[in-house]
């Protein structure tokens, strides 16, 4: 049932956005008995549509829809790591797009579902749960406003790099966490490793985003 759809998601940039939009269309046309797996994939598709969108209104639209799909996914598939990861990812990104108040609103739910995803399988999607939680602890304000914790962020992101050495956002986020702790040497080595490999990635649109972020960090060293 999902073979063609999963292929479209895997080939999300070839072509973009056609494959993602077609995957969404096919998912929304599937019968109700597949609601759980459909919602999980729909949350992922909407995450990528939002992630790649250049216009902030488009990002907000897709991430908002992704939050709704993710909410349904975790209700129907409570022990599925993908359900929790994509739900948390859509919430986190939606909060960033909407601004500081929305980001604060989502902190608790993102942490809850990120932790659940780590509990279920921290290695899923190249260390996705570790990456998400490390990013959360790096970006969120600290106590008493939020759960921000630079030490935790580095610990989780170092694990993510080991689990997913070829998913270069693991490295970019770790470099940022190092830089926040004034570990400029560690950050520089991580950034140079990213820049030496980024042009060879399968997903060239994502590679361009990674390269831009890495160069921005390099400029701060």
Protein backbone atom coordinates (compact mmCIF):
# COMPACT_ATOMS: atom_id res chain seq x y z
CA UNK A 1 0.00 0.00 0.00
CA UNK A 2 2.77 2.43 0.91
CA UNK A 3 5.56 1.36 -1.44
CA UNK A 4 5.04 4.09 -4.03
CA UNK A 5 4.42 6.73 -1.37
CA UNK A 6 7.57 5.84 0.55
CA UNK A 7 9.52 6.05 -2.71
CA UNK A 8 8.13 9.52 -3.35
CA UNK A 9 9.20 10.62 0.14
CA UNK A 10 12.64 9.09 -0.34
CA UNK A 11 12.96 10.96 -3.66
CA UNK A 12 11.51 14.16 -2.21
CA UNK A 13 13.84 16.41 -4.21
CA UNK A 14 13.56 14.61 -7.56
CA UNK A 15 11.52 16.52 -8.50
CA UNK A 16 10.63 19.00 -5.75
CA UNK A 17 7.94 19.86 -4.77
CA UNK A 18 6.04 17.53 -7.08
CA UNK A 19 6.97 14.27 -5.34
CA UNK A 20 6.05 15.54 -1.89
CA UNK A 21 2.77 17.03 -3.09
CA UNK A 22 1.91 13.78 -4.88
CA UNK A 23 2.76 11.78 -1.75
CA UNK A 24 0.43 14.01 0.26
CA UNK A 25 -2.35 13.59 -2.30
CA UNK A 26 -2.01 9.80 -2.31
CA UNK A 27 -1.94 9.61 1.50
CA UNK A 28 -5.06 11.71 1.85
CA UNK A 29 -6.85 9.42 -0.63
CA UNK A 30 -6.15 6.20 1.31
CA UNK A 31 -8.95 4.42 3.21
CA UNK A 32 -9.59 5.06 6.89
CA UNK A 33 -8.35 1.69 8.16
CA UNK A 34 -4.80 2.81 7.42
CA UNK A 35 -5.21 6.00 9.44
CA UNK A 36 -2.24 5.46 11.78
CA UNK A 37 0.45 4.76 9.17
CA UNK A 38 -1.09 7.43 6.92
CA UNK A 39 -0.88 10.07 9.64
CA UNK A 40 2.76 9.25 10.38
CA UNK A 41 3.77 9.60 6.75
CA UNK A 42 1.63 12.68 6.30
CA UNK A 43 3.37 14.38 9.23
CA UNK A 44 6.75 13.59 7.62
CA UNK A 45 5.67 14.84 4.18
CA UNK A 46 4.33 18.06 5.67
CA UNK A 47 7.51 18.52 7.69
CA UNK A 48 9.62 18.36 4.52
CA UNK A 49 7.29 20.68 2.64
CA UNK A 50 7.64 23.19 5.47
CA UNK A 51 11.38 22.64 5.83
CA UNK A 52 12.05 23.30 2.16
CA UNK A 53 9.58 26.17 1.71
CA UNK A 54 11.23 29.58 1.34
CA UNK A 55 8.19 31.70 2.19
CA UNK A 56 7.35 31.99 5.89
CA UNK A 57 3.60 31.82 5.23
CA UNK A 58 4.12 28.56 3.33
CA UNK A 59 6.26 27.21 6.15
CA UNK A 60 3.60 28.08 8.72
CA UNK A 61 0.89 26.43 6.62
CA UNK A 62 2.74 23.16 6.18
CA UNK A 63 4.09 22.89 9.72
CA UNK A 64 0.64 23.66 11.15
CA UNK A 65 -0.89 20.87 9.06
CA UNK A 66 2.00 18.63 10.11
CA UNK A 67 1.21 19.26 13.78
CA UNK A 68 -2.37 18.13 13.20
CA UNK A 69 -1.25 15.00 11.34
CA UNK A 70 1.34 14.26 14.03
CA UNK A 71 -1.21 14.65 16.81
CA UNK A 72 -3.41 12.06 15.12
CA UNK A 73 -0.39 9.82 14.52
CA UNK A 74 0.59 9.63 18.20
CA UNK A 75 -3.03 9.03 19.22
CA UNK A 76 -3.28 6.07 16.84
CA UNK A 77 0.31 4.77 17.02
CA UNK A 78 1.40 5.52 20.59
CA UNK A 79 4.39 3.14 20.49
CA UNK A 80 5.71 4.14 17.08
CA UNK A 81 8.92 6.15 17.16
CA UNK A 82 8.20 7.84 13.82
CA UNK A 83 4.86 9.15 15.07
CA UNK A 84 6.48 10.90 18.03
CA UNK A 85 9.51 12.15 16.10
CA UNK A 86 7.60 13.78 13.23
CA UNK A 87 4.98 15.21 15.59
CA UNK A 88 7.69 16.80 17.74
CA UNK A 89 9.61 18.00 14.68
CA UNK A 90 6.54 19.69 13.21
CA UNK A 91 5.70 21.32 16.55
CA UNK A 92 9.21 22.61 17.03
CA UNK A 93 9.45 24.05 13.53
CA UNK A 94 5.95 25.51 13.72
CA UNK A 95 6.88 27.26 16.95
CA UNK A 96 10.01 28.76 15.39
CA UNK A 97 8.07 30.07 12.40
CA UNK A 98 5.28 31.52 14.56
CA UNK A 99 7.66 33.30 16.94
CA UNK A 100 8.79 33.28 20.54
CA UNK A 101 5.42 32.81 22.24
CA UNK A 102 4.50 29.84 20.07
CA UNK A 103 7.97 28.39 20.64
CA UNK A 104 7.48 28.59 24.40
CA UNK A 105 4.02 27.04 24.09
CA UNK A 106 5.48 24.02 22.31
CA UNK A 107 8.47 23.42 24.61
CA UNK A 108 6.69 20.98 26.92
CA UNK A 109 5.01 18.90 24.19
CA UNK A 110 8.17 18.76 22.07
CA UNK A 111 10.21 17.55 25.04
CA UNK A 112 7.55 14.99 25.97
CA UNK A 113 7.32 13.44 22.52
CA UNK A 114 11.04 13.77 21.84
CA UNK A 115 11.79 11.84 25.01
CA UNK A 116 9.25 9.20 24.02
CA UNK A 117 10.89 8.86 20.62
CA UNK A 118 14.30 8.42 22.29
CA UNK A 119 12.84 5.79 24.60
CA UNK A 120 11.39 3.87 21.65
CA UNK A 121 14.45 4.04 19.35
CA UNK A 122 17.02 6.82 19.67
CA UNK A 123 18.79 5.57 16.53
CA UNK A 124 15.75 6.07 14.24
CA UNK A 125 16.35 8.28 11.21
CA UNK A 126 20.10 8.76 11.66
CA UNK A 127 19.72 9.57 15.36
CA UNK A 128 16.61 11.70 14.80
CA UNK A 129 15.34 11.61 18.41
CA UNK A 130 18.82 12.45 19.72
CA UNK A 131 19.14 15.25 17.17
CA UNK A 132 15.74 16.68 18.02
CA UNK A 133 16.29 16.62 21.77
CA UNK A 134 19.83 17.96 21.49
CA UNK A 135 18.54 20.81 19.36
CA UNK A 136 15.75 21.48 21.83
CA UNK A 137 18.12 21.70 24.79
CA UNK A 138 20.46 23.93 22.77
CA UNK A 139 17.81 26.38 21.56
CA UNK A 140 15.34 26.51 24.46
CA UNK A 141 15.75 29.01 27.29
CA UNK A 142 17.00 27.54 30.54
CA UNK A 143 15.28 27.19 33.89
CA UNK A 144 12.83 28.56 35.00
CA UNK A 145 11.46 29.47 31.56
CA UNK A 146 12.34 26.30 29.68
CA UNK A 147 14.40 23.09 29.60
CA UNK A 148 17.47 24.56 27.90
CA UNK A 149 20.69 22.83 28.93
CA UNK A 150 23.89 23.21 26.90
CA UNK A 151 25.61 20.25 28.56
CA UNK A 152 22.70 17.93 27.75
CA UNK A 153 22.60 19.28 24.22
CA UNK A 154 26.25 18.39 23.59
CA UNK A 155 25.85 14.95 25.13
CA UNK A 156 22.87 14.06 22.93
CA UNK A 157 24.28 15.60 19.75
CA UNK A 158 27.60 13.77 20.20
CA UNK A 159 25.59 10.55 20.33
CA UNK A 160 23.64 11.62 17.24
CA UNK A 161 26.90 12.14 15.32
CA UNK A 162 28.02 8.62 16.25
CA UNK A 163 24.68 7.09 15.29
CA UNK A 164 24.23 9.13 12.10
CA UNK A 165 27.71 10.16 10.92
CA UNK A 166 26.48 10.88 7.40
CA UNK A 167 23.50 13.04 8.40
CA UNK A 168 25.38 16.32 8.44
CA UNK A 169 22.83 18.32 10.39
CA UNK A 170 23.92 16.23 13.38
CA UNK A 171 27.36 17.80 12.95
CA UNK A 172 26.08 21.33 12.32
CA UNK A 173 23.94 21.31 15.45
CA UNK A 174 26.79 19.88 17.52
CA UNK A 175 29.14 22.57 16.19
CA UNK A 176 26.63 25.21 17.26
CA UNK A 177 26.38 23.66 20.72
CA UNK A 178 30.19 23.61 20.99
CA UNK A 179 30.37 27.24 19.93
CA UNK A 180 27.82 28.22 22.58
CA UNK A 181 30.18 26.73 25.17
CA UNK A 182 33.18 28.57 23.66
CA UNK A 183 34.68 25.31 22.38
CA UNK A 184 35.82 26.99 19.18
CA UNK A 185 38.37 24.35 18.24
CA UNK A 186 35.82 21.54 18.43
CA UNK A 187 33.27 23.64 16.55
CA UNK A 188 35.77 24.50 13.82
CA UNK A 189 36.76 20.85 13.26
CA UNK A 190 33.09 19.87 13.04
CA UNK A 191 32.29 22.65 10.57
CA UNK A 192 35.26 21.86 8.34
CA UNK A 193 34.22 18.21 8.24
CA UNK A 194 30.73 19.26 7.14
CA UNK A 195 32.04 21.59 4.44
CA UNK A 196 34.35 18.87 3.10
CA UNK A 197 31.44 16.47 2.61
CA UNK A 198 28.31 18.51 2.01
CA UNK A 199 28.56 18.80 -1.78
CA UNK A 200 28.41 15.02 -2.13
CA UNK A 201 25.05 14.57 -0.41
CA UNK A 202 22.11 12.93 -2.17
CA UNK A 203 19.66 15.71 -1.33
CA UNK A 204 21.14 18.81 -2.95
CA UNK A 205 18.43 21.21 -1.77
CA UNK A 206 19.02 20.09 1.81
CA UNK A 207 22.78 20.20 1.20
CA UNK A 208 22.51 23.87 0.28
CA UNK A 209 20.70 24.55 3.56
CA UNK A 210 23.33 22.66 5.55
CA UNK A 211 26.16 24.50 3.78
CA UNK A 212 24.55 27.88 4.44
CA UNK A 213 24.17 27.08 8.15
CA UNK A 214 27.72 25.74 8.40
CA UNK A 215 29.18 28.83 6.75
CA UNK A 216 27.16 31.06 9.09
CA UNK A 217 28.67 29.23 12.07
CA UNK A 218 32.15 29.48 10.54
CA UNK A 219 31.73 33.24 10.30
CA UNK A 220 31.12 33.35 14.06
CA UNK A 221 34.38 31.59 14.98
